[in-house]
C-alpha atoms as a PDB file:
ATOM      1  CA  UNK A   1      27.311  25.970   0.120  1.00  0.00           C
ATOM      2  CA  UNK A   2      24.736  25.503   2.889  1.00  0.00           C
ATOM      3  CA  UNK A   3      24.390  22.026   4.373  1.00  0.00           C
ATOM      4  CA  UNK A   4      21.097  20.157   4.069  1.00  0.00           C
ATOM      5  CA  UNK A   5      18.978  20.082   7.186  1.00  0.00           C
ATOM      6  CA  UNK A   6      18.058  16.815   8.848  1.00  0.00           C
ATOM      7  CA  UNK A   7      15.362  16.554  11.487  1.00  0.00           C
ATOM      8  CA  UNK A   8      16.741  14.920  14.624  1.00  0.00           C
ATOM      9  CA  UNK A   9      14.564  15.454  17.647  1.00  0.00           C
ATOM     10  CA  UNK A  10      11.164  17.080  18.260  1.00  0.00           C
ATOM     11  CA  UNK A  11       9.360  17.839  21.467  1.00  0.00           C
ATOM     12  CA  UNK A  12       6.699  15.109  21.101  1.00  0.00           C
ATOM     13  CA  UNK A  13       5.954  12.124  18.915  1.00  0.00           C
ATOM     14  CA  UNK A  14       3.102  14.021  17.332  1.00  0.00           C
ATOM     15  CA  UNK A  15       5.358  16.938  16.428  1.00  0.00           C
ATOM     16  CA  UNK A  16       7.915  14.488  15.024  1.00  0.00           C
ATOM     17  CA  UNK A  17       5.366  13.024  12.627  1.00  0.00           C
ATOM     18  CA  UNK A  18       4.068  16.449  11.653  1.00  0.00           C
ATOM     19  CA  UNK A  19       7.553  17.832  11.031  1.00  0.00           C
ATOM     20  CA  UNK A  20       8.593  14.785   9.000  1.00  0.00           C
ATOM     21  CA  UNK A  21       5.514  15.149   6.846  1.00  0.00           C
ATOM     22  CA  UNK A  22       6.174  18.860   6.447  1.00  0.00           C
ATOM     23  CA  UNK A  23       9.763  18.282   5.400  1.00  0.00           C
ATOM     24  CA  UNK A  24       8.742  15.779   2.769  1.00  0.00           C
ATOM     25  CA  UNK A  25       5.974  18.009   1.479  1.00  0.00           C
ATOM     26  CA  UNK A  26       8.156  21.084   1.246  1.00  0.00           C
ATOM     27  CA  UNK A  27      11.118  19.227  -0.170  1.00  0.00           C
ATOM     28  CA  UNK A  28      13.485  20.711   2.452  1.00  0.00           C
ATOM     29  CA  UNK A  29      15.662  17.621   2.503  1.00  0.00           C
ATOM     30  CA  UNK A  30      16.633  18.264  -1.118  1.00  0.00           C
ATOM     31  CA  UNK A  31      15.979  21.991  -1.375  1.00  0.00           C
ATOM     32  CA  UNK A  32      19.195  23.072   0.352  1.00  0.00           C
ATOM     33  CA  UNK A  33      22.539  22.698  -1.351  1.00  0.00           C
ATOM     34  CA  UNK A  34      24.991  20.065  -0.139  1.00  0.00           C
ATOM     35  CA  UNK A  35      28.000  21.066   1.914  1.00  0.00           C
ATOM     36  CA  UNK A  36      31.022  22.075  -0.109  1.00  0.00           C
ATOM     37  CA  UNK A  37      33.146  18.874  -0.192  1.00  0.00           C
ATOM     38  CA  UNK A  38      36.329  20.917   0.315  1.00  0.00           C
ATOM     39  CA  UNK A  39      35.056  22.317   3.616  1.00  0.00           C
ATOM     40  CA  UNK A  40      35.973  20.576   6.910  1.00  0.00           C
ATOM     41  CA  UNK A  41      33.371  18.396   8.603  1.00  0.00           C
ATOM     42  CA  UNK A  42      34.471  19.398  12.136  1.00  0.00           C
ATOM     43  CA  UNK A  43      34.307  22.973  13.408  1.00  0.00           C
ATOM     44  CA  UNK A  44      35.433  24.823  16.496  1.00  0.00           C
ATOM     45  CA  UNK A  45      35.229  28.444  17.638  1.00  0.00           C
ATOM     46  CA  UNK A  46      37.700  30.984  19.018  1.00  0.00           C
ATOM     47  CA  UNK A  47      37.696  32.672  22.460  1.00  0.00           C
ATOM     48  CA  UNK A  48      35.746  35.881  22.887  1.00  0.00           C
ATOM     49  CA  UNK A  49      37.657  39.161  23.169  1.00  0.00           C
ATOM     50  CA  UNK A  50      37.272  41.095  26.398  1.00  0.00           C
ATOM     51  CA  UNK A  51      36.714  44.744  25.577  1.00  0.00           C
ATOM     52  CA  UNK A  52      38.824  47.156  27.631  1.00  0.00           C
ATOM     53  CA  UNK A  53      36.136  48.449  29.977  1.00  0.00           C
ATOM     54  CA  UNK A  54      38.208  49.002  33.099  1.00  0.00           C
ATOM     55  CA  UNK A  55      37.385  45.678  34.768  1.00  0.00           C
ATOM     56  CA  UNK A  56      39.918  45.295  37.587  1.00  0.00           C
ATOM     57  CA  UNK A  57      42.798  42.839  37.721  1.00  0.00           C
ATOM     58  CA  UNK A  58      41.986  40.397  40.512  1.00  0.00           C
ATOM     59  CA  UNK A  59      43.996  38.301  42.984  1.00  0.00           C
ATOM     60  CA  UNK A  60      41.499  35.472  43.416  1.00  0.00           C
ATOM     61  CA  UNK A  61      41.198  32.131  41.643  1.00  0.00           C
ATOM     62  CA  UNK A  62      38.301  30.806  39.570  1.00  0.00           C
ATOM     63  CA  UNK A  63      37.164  27.386  38.371  1.00  0.00           C
ATOM     64  CA  UNK A  64      34.707  27.065  35.470  1.00  0.00           C
ATOM     65  CA  UNK A  65      32.197  24.231  35.265  1.00  0.00           C
ATOM     66  CA  UNK A  66      31.031  22.917  31.883  1.00  0.00           C
ATOM     67  CA  UNK A  67      27.708  24.597  31.076  1.00  0.00           C
ATOM     68  CA  UNK A  68      24.572  22.621  31.797  1.00  0.00           C
ATOM     69  CA  UNK A  69      22.484  22.167  28.655  1.00  0.00           C
ATOM     70  CA  UNK A  70      19.415  20.368  27.371  1.00  0.00           C
ATOM     71  CA  UNK A  71      19.903  17.110  25.492  1.00  0.00           C
ATOM     72  CA  UNK A  72      19.309  18.894  22.195  1.00  0.00           C
ATOM     73  CA  UNK A  73      22.315  21.184  22.783  1.00  0.00           C
ATOM     74  CA  UNK A  74      24.528  18.769  24.745  1.00  0.00           C
ATOM     75  CA  UNK A  75      25.839  17.150  21.571  1.00  0.00           C
ATOM     76  CA  UNK A  76      28.554  17.692  18.953  1.00  0.00           C
ATOM     77  CA  UNK A  77      25.856  18.244  16.312  1.00  0.00           C
ATOM     78  CA  UNK A  78      25.282  21.822  15.105  1.00  0.00           C
ATOM     79  CA  UNK A  79      21.724  22.832  15.904  1.00  0.00           C
ATOM     80  CA  UNK A  80      19.290  24.832  13.777  1.00  0.00           C
ATOM     81  CA  UNK A  81      15.653  25.743  14.440  1.00  0.00           C
ATOM     82  CA  UNK A  82      12.673  26.826  12.340  1.00  0.00           C
ATOM     83  CA  UNK A  83      10.346  27.280  15.320  1.00  0.00           C
ATOM     84  CA  UNK A  84      10.288  27.164  19.109  1.00  0.00           C
ATOM     85  CA  UNK A  85       9.032  23.563  19.066  1.00  0.00           C
ATOM     86  CA  UNK A  86      11.435  21.912  16.615  1.00  0.00           C
ATOM     87  CA  UNK A  87      15.176  21.337  16.835  1.00  0.00           C
ATOM     88  CA  UNK A  88      17.088  20.138  13.769  1.00  0.00           C
ATOM     89  CA  UNK A  89      20.767  19.658  12.916  1.00  0.00           C
ATOM     90  CA  UNK A  90      22.974  20.357   9.918  1.00  0.00           C
ATOM     91  CA  UNK A  91      23.917  17.166   8.073  1.00  0.00           C
ATOM     92  CA  UNK A  92      27.514  16.089   7.566  1.00  0.00           C
ATOM     93  CA  UNK A  93      29.102  18.608   9.950  1.00  0.00           C
ATOM     94  CA  UNK A  94      29.581  18.877  13.717  1.00  0.00           C
ATOM     95  CA  UNK A  95      31.492  20.661  16.435  1.00  0.00           C
ATOM     96  CA  UNK A  96      34.872  19.176  17.340  1.00  0.00           C
ATOM     97  CA  UNK A  97      33.475  18.394  20.832  1.00  0.00           C
ATOM     98  CA  UNK A  98      30.126  18.433  22.607  1.00  0.00           C
ATOM     99  CA  UNK A  99      28.930  22.027  22.635  1.00  0.00           C
ATOM    100  CA  UNK A 100      29.097  22.486  26.465  1.00  0.00           C
ATOM    101  CA  UNK A 101      32.674  21.145  26.621  1.00  0.00           C
ATOM    102  CA  UNK A 102      33.730  23.398  23.764  1.00  0.00           C
ATOM    103  CA  UNK A 103      32.110  26.444  25.379  1.00  0.00           C
ATOM    104  CA  UNK A 104      33.716  25.662  28.761  1.00  0.00           C
ATOM    105  CA  UNK A 105      37.171  25.602  27.198  1.00  0.00           C
ATOM    106  CA  UNK A 106      36.544  28.855  25.344  1.00  0.00           C
ATOM    107  CA  UNK A 107      35.337  30.574  28.529  1.00  0.00           C
ATOM    108  CA  UNK A 108      38.531  29.534  30.322  1.00  0.00           C
ATOM    109  CA  UNK A 109      40.608  30.826  27.400  1.00  0.00           C
ATOM    110  CA  UNK A 110      38.748  34.148  27.442  1.00  0.00           C
ATOM    111  CA  UNK A 111      39.586  34.629  31.122  1.00  0.00           C
ATOM    112  CA  UNK A 112      43.222  33.731  30.477  1.00  0.00           C
ATOM    113  CA  UNK A 113      43.431  36.094  27.515  1.00  0.00           C
ATOM    114  CA  UNK A 114      42.059  38.943  29.639  1.00  0.00           C
ATOM    115  CA  UNK A 115      45.243  38.743  31.785  1.00  0.00           C
ATOM    116  CA  UNK A 116      43.274  40.099  34.718  1.00  0.00           C
ATOM    117  CA  UNK A 117      42.993  37.016  36.899  1.00  0.00           C
ATOM    118  CA  UNK A 118      45.631  35.148  38.915  1.00  0.00           C
ATOM    119  CA  UNK A 119      44.363  31.668  38.067  1.00  0.00           C
ATOM    120  CA  UNK A 120      41.486  30.143  36.107  1.00  0.00           C
ATOM    121  CA  UNK A 121      40.829  26.582  34.999  1.00  0.00           C
ATOM    122  CA  UNK A 122      38.288  23.858  34.392  1.00  0.00           C
ATOM    123  CA  UNK A 123      36.612  22.501  37.523  1.00  0.00           C
ATOM    124  CA  UNK A 124      37.881  19.012  36.635  1.00  0.00           C
ATOM    125  CA  UNK A 125      41.429  20.167  37.460  1.00  0.00           C
ATOM    126  CA  UNK A 126      40.604  19.720  41.148  1.00  0.00           C
ATOM    127  CA  UNK A 127      42.368  22.943  42.178  1.00  0.00           C
ATOM    128  CA  UNK A 128      41.463  25.156  45.089  1.00  0.00           C
ATOM    129  CA  UNK A 129      39.487  28.210  44.082  1.00  0.00           C
ATOM    130  CA  UNK A 130      37.857  31.270  45.604  1.00  0.00           C
ATOM    131  CA  UNK A 131      34.940  31.157  43.174  1.00  0.00           C
ATOM    132  CA  UNK A 132      33.167  28.660  40.954  1.00  0.00           C
ATOM    133  CA  UNK A 133      31.431  29.818  37.781  1.00  0.00           C
ATOM    134  CA  UNK A 134      28.324  27.753  37.028  1.00  0.00           C
ATOM    135  CA  UNK A 135      26.606  28.325  33.706  1.00  0.00           C
ATOM    136  CA  UNK A 136      23.725  27.009  31.622  1.00  0.00           C
ATOM    137  CA  UNK A 137      23.794  27.095  27.814  1.00  0.00           C
ATOM    138  CA  UNK A 138      20.151  27.821  27.030  1.00  0.00           C
ATOM    139  CA  UNK A 139      20.438  28.685  23.335  1.00  0.00           C
ATOM    140  CA  UNK A 140      23.167  27.675  20.905  1.00  0.00           C
ATOM    141  CA  UNK A 141      21.668  27.384  17.455  1.00  0.00           C
ATOM    142  CA  UNK A 142      21.213  28.886  14.019  1.00  0.00           C
ATOM    143  CA  UNK A 143      17.659  30.135  13.416  1.00  0.00           C
ATOM    144  CA  UNK A 144      15.217  30.895  10.623  1.00  0.00           C
ATOM    145  CA  UNK A 145      13.369  34.185  11.121  1.00  0.00           C
ATOM    146  CA  UNK A 146      11.212  33.098   8.150  1.00  0.00           C
ATOM    147  CA  UNK A 147      10.121  29.448   8.264  1.00  0.00           C
ATOM    148  CA  UNK A 148       9.889  29.404   4.479  1.00  0.00           C
ATOM    149  CA  UNK A 149      13.460  30.593   3.897  1.00  0.00           C
ATOM    150  CA  UNK A 150      16.036  28.304   2.278  1.00  0.00           C
ATOM    151  CA  UNK A 151      18.714  28.946   4.911  1.00  0.00           C
ATOM    152  CA  UNK A 152      18.994  30.248   8.498  1.00  0.00           C
ATOM    153  CA  UNK A 153      19.647  33.966   8.760  1.00  0.00           C
ATOM    154  CA  UNK A 154      20.812  34.387  12.352  1.00  0.00           C
ATOM    155  CA  UNK A 155      22.552  32.646  15.243  1.00  0.00           C
ATOM    156  CA  UNK A 156      21.447  32.893  18.865  1.00  0.00           C
ATOM    157  CA  UNK A 157      23.597  32.197  21.942  1.00  0.00           C
ATOM    158  CA  UNK A 158      22.159  32.582  25.443  1.00  0.00           C
ATOM    159  CA  UNK A 159      24.098  31.721  28.599  1.00  0.00           C
ATOM    160  CA  UNK A 160      22.994  32.126  32.209  1.00  0.00           C
ATOM    161  CA  UNK A 161      25.677  32.365  34.888  1.00  0.00           C
ATOM    162  CA  UNK A 162      25.941  32.080  38.657  1.00  0.00           C
ATOM    163  CA  UNK A 163      29.022  33.102  40.619  1.00  0.00           C
ATOM    164  CA  UNK A 164      29.480  30.780  43.597  1.00  0.00           C
ATOM    165  CA  UNK A 165      31.772  31.652  46.522  1.00  0.00           C
ATOM    166  CA  UNK A 166      33.895  28.802  47.808  1.00  0.00           C
ATOM    167  CA  UNK A 167      34.174  26.834  50.017  1.00  0.00           C
ATOM    168  CA  UNK A 168      30.665  27.545  51.357  1.00  0.00           C
ATOM    169  CA  UNK A 169      29.181  27.363  47.837  1.00  0.00           C
ATOM    170  CA  UNK A 170      26.970  30.411  48.315  1.00  0.00           C
ATOM    171  CA  UNK A 171      25.552  32.035  45.167  1.00  0.00           C
ATOM    172  CA  UNK A 172      26.815  35.623  45.166  1.00  0.00           C
ATOM    173  CA  UNK A 173      25.497  36.861  41.809  1.00  0.00           C
ATOM    174  CA  UNK A 174      23.595  35.753  38.732  1.00  0.00           C
ATOM    175  CA  UNK A 175      23.128  37.107  35.221  1.00  0.00           C
ATOM    176  CA  UNK A 176      22.034  36.040  31.730  1.00  0.00           C
ATOM    177  CA  UNK A 177      23.918  36.967  28.566  1.00  0.00           C
ATOM    178  CA  UNK A 178      22.334  36.857  25.121  1.00  0.00           C
ATOM    179  CA  UNK A 179      23.538  37.588  21.602  1.00  0.00           C
ATOM    180  CA  UNK A 180      21.776  37.339  18.239  1.00  0.00           C
ATOM    181  CA  UNK A 181      24.032  37.750  15.197  1.00  0.00           C
ATOM    182  CA  UNK A 182      22.950  37.775  11.522  1.00  0.00           C
ATOM    183  CA  UNK A 183      24.367  35.199   9.105  1.00  0.00           C
ATOM    184  CA  UNK A 184      26.030  37.351   6.438  1.00  0.00           C
ATOM    185  CA  UNK A 185      26.205  35.004   3.485  1.00  0.00           C
ATOM    186  CA  UNK A 186      24.916  31.793   1.947  1.00  0.00           C
ATOM    187  CA  UNK A 187      27.897  29.536   2.679  1.00  0.00           C
ATOM    188  CA  UNK A 188      27.990  27.261   5.720  1.00  0.00           C
ATOM    189  CA  UNK A 189      31.162  28.980   6.893  1.00  0.00           C
ATOM    190  CA  UNK A 190      29.043  32.132   7.267  1.00  0.00           C
ATOM    191  CA  UNK A 191      26.924  30.266   9.813  1.00  0.00           C
ATOM    192  CA  UNK A 192      30.069  29.284  11.728  1.00  0.00           C
ATOM    193  CA  UNK A 193      31.283  32.887  11.624  1.00  0.00           C
ATOM    194  CA  UNK A 194      27.984  34.035  13.142  1.00  0.00           C
ATOM    195  CA  UNK A 195      28.313  31.417  15.905  1.00  0.00           C
ATOM    196  CA  UNK A 196      31.830  32.690  16.581  1.00  0.00           C
ATOM    197  CA  UNK A 197      30.705  36.312  16.831  1.00  0.00           C
ATOM    198  CA  UNK A 198      27.676  35.557  19.015  1.00  0.00           C
ATOM    199  CA  UNK A 199      29.591  33.359  21.456  1.00  0.00           C
ATOM    200  CA  UNK A 200      32.435  35.890  21.522  1.00  0.00           C
ATOM    201  CA  UNK A 201      30.037  38.664  22.551  1.00  0.00           C
ATOM    202  CA  UNK A 202      28.568  36.495  25.307  1.00  0.00           C
ATOM    203  CA  UNK A 203      31.982  35.424  26.584  1.00  0.00           C
ATOM    204  CA  UNK A 204      33.336  38.974  26.625  1.00  0.00           C
ATOM    205  CA  UNK A 205      30.368  40.191  28.672  1.00  0.00           C
ATOM    206  CA  UNK A 206      30.595  37.147  30.968  1.00  0.00           C
ATOM    207  CA  UNK A 207      34.291  37.704  31.732  1.00  0.00           C
ATOM    208  CA  UNK A 208      33.792  41.407  32.451  1.00  0.00           C
ATOM    209  CA  UNK A 209      30.780  40.702  34.712  1.00  0.00           C
ATOM    210  CA  UNK A 210      32.537  37.907  36.609  1.00  0.00           C
ATOM    211  CA  UNK A 211      35.652  39.974  37.295  1.00  0.00           C
ATOM    212  CA  UNK A 212      33.624  42.928  38.567  1.00  0.00           C
ATOM    213  CA  UNK A 213      31.174  40.953  40.692  1.00  0.00           C
ATOM    214  CA  UNK A 214      33.811  38.594  42.033  1.00  0.00           C
ATOM    215  CA  UNK A 215      36.124  41.431  43.021  1.00  0.00           C
ATOM    216  CA  UNK A 216      33.297  43.222  44.858  1.00  0.00           C
ATOM    217  CA  UNK A 217      32.490  40.059  46.827  1.00  0.00           C
ATOM    218  CA  UNK A 218      36.168  39.277  47.482  1.00  0.00           C
ATOM    219  CA  UNK A 219      36.859  42.749  48.854  1.00  0.00           C
ATOM    220  CA  UNK A 220      33.741  42.715  51.023  1.00  0.00           C
ATOM    221  CA  UNK A 221      34.730  39.350  52.504  1.00  0.00           C
ATOM    222  CA  UNK A 222      38.276  40.583  53.114  1.00  0.00           C
ATOM    223  CA  UNK A 223      36.914  43.658  54.872  1.00  0.00           C
ATOM    224  CA  UNK A 224      34.703  41.555  57.128  1.00  0.00           C
ATOM    225  CA  UNK A 225      37.644  39.302  57.970  1.00  0.00           C
ATOM    226  CA  UNK A 226      39.807  42.285  58.943  1.00  0.00           C
ATOM    227  CA  UNK A 227      37.004  43.710  61.090  1.00  0.00           C
ATOM    228  CA  UNK A 228      36.494  40.374  62.860  1.00  0.00           C
ATOM    229  CA  UNK A 229      40.256  39.998  63.463  1.00  0.00           C
ATOM    230  CA  UNK A 230      40.551  43.444  65.048  1.00  0.00           C
ATOM    231  CA  UNK A 231      37.939  42.741  67.710  1.00  0.00           C
END
């Protein structure tokens, strides 16, 4: 069953007081069913699948930074929102790691699973790379489309990305990827499934975009190097 919502952090002290009063008045702290005691308290997600779109196999190497994120997302707690000004969390459950660290690992796995890149890894590995992928996790939460509903009905994931050429650290391309996926059920595992689908869509698009943009830049740089060497 769906976990109870607990208010954790609001934008201002005034909003915190107002939200707390609203929760008490509406009985939201007791209106949602408790988490099924047989369900796990820690959750993780699986790597996104890269759709066969003809993205080229590449010979260059990539390092992936952990996504930057606001304090409300940079946490193991699983976020849920009723409005643009309030951020809450599900009680009694969390991600197995801080959300940005989890997403970083899943991005790396998605690149590896694509089998189209020579080498990819976390930036903390300290390896030489041709490109660095910098991202920002801007949305990573379940949402209520109706503030009066008993449970969230969708999950939103939004990730902005910048492809940085090394070693000069020049930004070669930028893009934002967004997915909104409905929650298809009343159990908390349905919320996790929606997170998995939304992040998978974002990761698949991110991998395809990175391979295409990186290969275009890599070939252009190689062409300039050949032209300069022939002079």
